N, C-alpha and C. Protein backbone atom coordinates (compact mmCIF):
# COMPACT_ATOMS: atom_id res chain seq x y z
N UNK A 1 -145.92 -9.68 -44.61
CA UNK A 1 -145.70 -9.57 -46.04
C UNK A 1 -144.23 -9.22 -46.29
N UNK A 2 -143.69 -9.83 -47.27
CA UNK A 2 -142.31 -9.55 -47.68
C UNK A 2 -142.36 -8.51 -48.79
N UNK A 3 -141.65 -7.40 -48.59
CA UNK A 3 -141.61 -6.34 -49.58
C UNK A 3 -140.41 -6.51 -50.49
N UNK A 4 -140.60 -6.15 -51.75
CA UNK A 4 -139.48 -6.18 -52.69
C UNK A 4 -138.58 -4.97 -52.43
N UNK A 5 -137.40 -5.00 -52.99
CA UNK A 5 -136.46 -3.88 -52.85
C UNK A 5 -137.09 -2.60 -53.39
N UNK A 6 -137.79 -2.72 -54.51
CA UNK A 6 -138.45 -1.56 -55.12
C UNK A 6 -139.53 -0.99 -54.20
N UNK A 7 -140.30 -1.87 -53.59
CA UNK A 7 -141.35 -1.43 -52.67
C UNK A 7 -140.74 -0.74 -51.44
N UNK A 8 -139.66 -1.28 -50.93
CA UNK A 8 -138.97 -0.67 -49.79
C UNK A 8 -138.48 0.73 -50.16
N UNK A 9 -137.94 0.88 -51.36
CA UNK A 9 -137.47 2.20 -51.81
C UNK A 9 -138.62 3.20 -51.89
N UNK A 10 -139.77 2.75 -52.37
CA UNK A 10 -140.95 3.62 -52.45
C UNK A 10 -141.43 4.00 -51.06
N UNK A 11 -141.46 3.02 -50.16
CA UNK A 11 -141.87 3.29 -48.78
C UNK A 11 -140.91 4.31 -48.15
N UNK A 12 -139.62 4.11 -48.33
CA UNK A 12 -138.63 5.03 -47.75
C UNK A 12 -138.78 6.43 -48.31
N UNK A 13 -139.13 6.53 -49.58
CA UNK A 13 -139.29 7.84 -50.21
C UNK A 13 -140.55 8.55 -49.71
N UNK A 14 -141.65 7.81 -49.64
CA UNK A 14 -142.93 8.42 -49.28
C UNK A 14 -143.17 8.48 -47.77
N UNK A 15 -142.53 7.60 -47.03
CA UNK A 15 -142.72 7.55 -45.58
C UNK A 15 -141.37 7.45 -44.88
N UNK A 16 -140.64 8.58 -44.78
CA UNK A 16 -139.33 8.54 -44.13
C UNK A 16 -139.39 8.04 -42.67
N UNK A 17 -140.56 8.18 -42.05
CA UNK A 17 -140.72 7.70 -40.68
C UNK A 17 -140.64 6.18 -40.59
N UNK A 18 -140.73 5.50 -41.72
CA UNK A 18 -140.66 4.04 -41.73
C UNK A 18 -139.31 3.51 -42.22
N UNK A 19 -138.32 4.39 -42.26
CA UNK A 19 -136.98 3.95 -42.67
C UNK A 19 -136.31 3.20 -41.53
N UNK A 20 -135.72 2.09 -41.90
CA UNK A 20 -134.94 1.34 -40.92
C UNK A 20 -133.56 1.97 -40.81
N UNK A 21 -132.98 1.83 -39.66
CA UNK A 21 -131.61 2.27 -39.46
C UNK A 21 -130.68 1.15 -39.93
N UNK A 22 -129.49 1.50 -40.42
CA UNK A 22 -128.55 0.46 -40.83
C UNK A 22 -128.23 -0.46 -39.65
N UNK A 23 -127.94 -1.71 -39.96
CA UNK A 23 -127.59 -2.66 -38.91
C UNK A 23 -126.46 -2.09 -38.05
N UNK A 24 -126.58 -2.24 -36.73
CA UNK A 24 -125.56 -1.67 -35.87
C UNK A 24 -124.19 -2.30 -36.10
N UNK A 25 -123.18 -1.45 -36.05
CA UNK A 25 -121.80 -1.92 -36.20
C UNK A 25 -120.94 -1.13 -35.23
N UNK A 26 -119.78 -1.65 -34.96
CA UNK A 26 -118.85 -0.96 -34.06
C UNK A 26 -118.48 0.40 -34.64
N UNK A 27 -118.25 0.46 -35.95
CA UNK A 27 -117.89 1.73 -36.58
C UNK A 27 -119.00 2.75 -36.41
N UNK A 28 -120.25 2.35 -36.62
CA UNK A 28 -121.38 3.27 -36.45
C UNK A 28 -121.47 3.71 -34.99
N UNK A 29 -121.24 2.80 -34.06
CA UNK A 29 -121.28 3.15 -32.63
C UNK A 29 -120.17 4.15 -32.30
N UNK A 30 -118.99 3.97 -32.87
CA UNK A 30 -117.88 4.90 -32.64
C UNK A 30 -118.25 6.28 -33.15
N UNK A 31 -118.83 6.35 -34.34
CA UNK A 31 -119.22 7.65 -34.91
C UNK A 31 -120.28 8.32 -34.04
N UNK A 32 -121.28 7.57 -33.60
CA UNK A 32 -122.32 8.12 -32.74
C UNK A 32 -121.75 8.58 -31.39
N UNK A 33 -120.80 7.82 -30.87
CA UNK A 33 -120.15 8.19 -29.61
C UNK A 33 -119.42 9.52 -29.77
N UNK A 34 -118.71 9.66 -30.88
CA UNK A 34 -117.97 10.91 -31.14
C UNK A 34 -118.96 12.06 -31.24
N UNK A 35 -120.08 11.86 -31.94
CA UNK A 35 -121.09 12.90 -32.06
C UNK A 35 -121.68 13.26 -30.70
N UNK A 36 -122.03 12.25 -29.92
CA UNK A 36 -122.69 12.48 -28.63
C UNK A 36 -121.77 13.22 -27.67
N UNK A 37 -120.52 12.82 -27.62
CA UNK A 37 -119.60 13.45 -26.69
C UNK A 37 -118.89 14.65 -27.30
N UNK A 38 -119.43 15.12 -28.43
CA UNK A 38 -118.97 16.35 -29.07
C UNK A 38 -117.47 16.35 -29.31
N UNK A 39 -116.97 15.24 -29.80
CA UNK A 39 -115.54 15.12 -30.10
C UNK A 39 -115.27 15.44 -31.57
N UNK A 40 -116.29 15.84 -32.30
CA UNK A 40 -116.15 16.05 -33.74
C UNK A 40 -115.09 17.08 -34.05
N UNK A 41 -114.96 18.08 -33.21
CA UNK A 41 -113.98 19.13 -33.46
C UNK A 41 -112.56 18.58 -33.47
N UNK A 42 -112.34 17.41 -32.91
CA UNK A 42 -111.00 16.81 -32.87
C UNK A 42 -110.65 16.10 -34.17
N UNK A 43 -111.62 15.90 -35.03
CA UNK A 43 -111.37 15.16 -36.27
C UNK A 43 -110.74 16.07 -37.33
N UNK A 44 -109.62 15.64 -37.88
CA UNK A 44 -109.08 16.39 -39.02
C UNK A 44 -110.01 16.23 -40.22
N UNK A 45 -109.98 17.19 -41.11
CA UNK A 45 -110.88 17.16 -42.27
C UNK A 45 -110.65 15.92 -43.15
N UNK A 46 -109.43 15.62 -43.46
CA UNK A 46 -109.11 14.44 -44.29
C UNK A 46 -108.38 13.42 -43.42
N UNK A 47 -109.17 12.59 -42.81
CA UNK A 47 -108.64 11.59 -41.88
C UNK A 47 -107.99 10.44 -42.67
N UNK A 48 -106.74 10.13 -42.34
CA UNK A 48 -106.11 8.98 -42.97
C UNK A 48 -106.60 7.71 -42.28
N UNK A 49 -106.38 6.59 -42.91
CA UNK A 49 -106.83 5.34 -42.31
C UNK A 49 -106.11 5.09 -40.98
N UNK A 50 -104.85 5.47 -40.89
CA UNK A 50 -104.10 5.30 -39.65
C UNK A 50 -104.68 6.18 -38.55
N UNK A 51 -105.03 7.42 -38.90
CA UNK A 51 -105.63 8.34 -37.92
C UNK A 51 -106.99 7.82 -37.46
N UNK A 52 -107.78 7.32 -38.42
CA UNK A 52 -109.09 6.77 -38.07
C UNK A 52 -108.94 5.57 -37.15
N UNK A 53 -107.99 4.68 -37.47
CA UNK A 53 -107.77 3.50 -36.63
C UNK A 53 -107.39 3.93 -35.21
N UNK A 54 -106.53 4.93 -35.10
CA UNK A 54 -106.10 5.43 -33.80
C UNK A 54 -107.28 6.03 -33.02
N UNK A 55 -108.08 6.85 -33.70
CA UNK A 55 -109.23 7.48 -33.06
C UNK A 55 -110.25 6.42 -32.63
N UNK A 56 -110.50 5.47 -33.51
CA UNK A 56 -111.45 4.39 -33.21
C UNK A 56 -110.98 3.61 -31.98
N UNK A 57 -109.69 3.35 -31.90
CA UNK A 57 -109.13 2.62 -30.76
C UNK A 57 -109.29 3.44 -29.47
N UNK A 58 -109.05 4.74 -29.56
CA UNK A 58 -109.21 5.61 -28.38
C UNK A 58 -110.65 5.58 -27.88
N UNK A 59 -111.59 5.65 -28.82
CA UNK A 59 -113.01 5.62 -28.44
C UNK A 59 -113.35 4.27 -27.82
N UNK A 60 -112.89 3.18 -28.42
CA UNK A 60 -113.20 1.86 -27.89
C UNK A 60 -112.57 1.64 -26.52
N UNK A 61 -111.48 2.33 -26.24
CA UNK A 61 -110.82 2.21 -24.93
C UNK A 61 -111.46 3.11 -23.88
N UNK A 62 -112.33 4.03 -24.31
CA UNK A 62 -112.97 4.95 -23.37
C UNK A 62 -113.84 4.16 -22.40
N UNK A 63 -113.83 4.55 -21.15
CA UNK A 63 -114.54 3.76 -20.13
C UNK A 63 -116.06 3.71 -20.35
N UNK A 64 -116.62 4.72 -21.01
CA UNK A 64 -118.07 4.76 -21.23
C UNK A 64 -118.51 4.09 -22.53
N UNK A 65 -117.56 3.73 -23.37
CA UNK A 65 -117.94 3.21 -24.69
C UNK A 65 -118.67 1.86 -24.64
N UNK A 66 -118.24 0.88 -23.86
CA UNK A 66 -118.96 -0.41 -23.88
C UNK A 66 -120.45 -0.26 -23.54
N UNK A 67 -120.76 0.54 -22.53
CA UNK A 67 -122.17 0.75 -22.17
C UNK A 67 -122.89 1.50 -23.30
N UNK A 68 -122.24 2.54 -23.83
CA UNK A 68 -122.83 3.31 -24.92
C UNK A 68 -123.12 2.40 -26.11
N UNK A 69 -122.18 1.54 -26.46
CA UNK A 69 -122.34 0.65 -27.61
C UNK A 69 -123.52 -0.30 -27.40
N UNK A 70 -123.66 -0.84 -26.22
CA UNK A 70 -124.77 -1.74 -25.93
C UNK A 70 -126.10 -1.02 -26.06
N UNK A 71 -126.19 0.17 -25.49
CA UNK A 71 -127.42 0.96 -25.58
C UNK A 71 -127.71 1.32 -27.03
N UNK A 72 -126.68 1.73 -27.76
CA UNK A 72 -126.85 2.10 -29.17
C UNK A 72 -127.35 0.91 -29.98
N UNK A 73 -126.73 -0.24 -29.82
CA UNK A 73 -127.15 -1.45 -30.55
C UNK A 73 -128.61 -1.78 -30.22
N UNK A 74 -128.96 -1.71 -28.94
CA UNK A 74 -130.33 -2.01 -28.53
C UNK A 74 -131.33 -1.03 -29.13
N UNK A 75 -130.98 0.27 -29.17
CA UNK A 75 -131.87 1.28 -29.74
C UNK A 75 -132.10 1.03 -31.22
N UNK A 76 -131.04 0.72 -31.95
CA UNK A 76 -131.17 0.47 -33.39
C UNK A 76 -132.02 -0.77 -33.63
N UNK A 77 -131.75 -1.83 -32.90
CA UNK A 77 -132.50 -3.08 -33.04
C UNK A 77 -133.98 -2.86 -32.71
N UNK A 78 -134.24 -2.15 -31.62
CA UNK A 78 -135.62 -1.87 -31.20
C UNK A 78 -136.34 -1.02 -32.26
N UNK A 79 -135.66 0.00 -32.77
CA UNK A 79 -136.24 0.86 -33.81
C UNK A 79 -136.63 0.02 -35.03
N UNK A 80 -135.73 -0.83 -35.48
CA UNK A 80 -135.99 -1.65 -36.67
C UNK A 80 -137.11 -2.66 -36.43
N UNK A 81 -137.20 -3.18 -35.21
CA UNK A 81 -138.28 -4.11 -34.89
C UNK A 81 -139.64 -3.40 -34.93
N UNK A 82 -139.68 -2.16 -34.44
CA UNK A 82 -140.92 -1.37 -34.49
C UNK A 82 -141.33 -1.12 -35.94
N UNK A 83 -140.36 -0.80 -36.78
CA UNK A 83 -140.66 -0.57 -38.19
C UNK A 83 -141.19 -1.86 -38.82
N UNK A 84 -140.58 -2.99 -38.51
CA UNK A 84 -141.05 -4.27 -39.04
C UNK A 84 -142.50 -4.53 -38.65
N UNK A 85 -142.85 -4.26 -37.38
CA UNK A 85 -144.22 -4.48 -36.92
C UNK A 85 -145.19 -3.57 -37.66
N UNK A 86 -144.79 -2.31 -37.86
CA UNK A 86 -145.66 -1.39 -38.60
C UNK A 86 -145.86 -1.86 -40.03
N UNK A 87 -144.79 -2.34 -40.65
CA UNK A 87 -144.89 -2.78 -42.04
C UNK A 87 -145.72 -4.06 -42.18
N UNK A 88 -145.82 -4.84 -41.11
CA UNK A 88 -146.61 -6.07 -41.14
C UNK A 88 -148.10 -5.81 -40.87
N UNK A 89 -148.41 -4.61 -40.39
CA UNK A 89 -149.79 -4.25 -40.10
C UNK A 89 -150.61 -4.27 -41.40
N UNK A 90 -151.75 -4.98 -41.42
CA UNK A 90 -152.56 -5.05 -42.64
C UNK A 90 -152.96 -3.67 -43.19
N UNK A 91 -153.22 -2.71 -42.30
CA UNK A 91 -153.57 -1.37 -42.77
C UNK A 91 -152.40 -0.75 -43.53
N UNK A 92 -151.20 -0.97 -43.01
CA UNK A 92 -150.02 -0.42 -43.66
C UNK A 92 -149.77 -1.11 -44.99
N UNK A 93 -150.01 -2.41 -45.05
CA UNK A 93 -149.82 -3.14 -46.30
C UNK A 93 -150.73 -2.58 -47.39
N UNK A 94 -151.98 -2.22 -47.01
CA UNK A 94 -152.90 -1.64 -47.99
C UNK A 94 -152.37 -0.30 -48.48
N UNK A 95 -151.89 0.49 -47.55
CA UNK A 95 -151.38 1.82 -47.90
C UNK A 95 -150.24 1.71 -48.89
C-alpha cells in the first residue's frame, strides 16, 4: 500500500518505531563518524563553512572512514527496508 504524506506523518507521530531514517549521505556519515569516534569536542560552536569543509575532508581522509561509511549506508538502507516491510504488512495497514 502506498501511504500519503499525511498518513506517513500520523504513523511517525503515533509509532516512532516505524520512522525511516533519512537517505544516507556522505554528510550524514561524516556526522555519525564524528559522533562515534567522540570527535565532537573538537567542533567549534559556530562552525564556518570553510571549517566544516576542512573537518569533513579530514574525516573523509581518515583510514577508517570508507569502511564506516559503507557499514553506515548499509545499516540505514536495511533499517528502511525493514520499515517498508512492516508498513506493507496487512495487519499494519489495518492499524
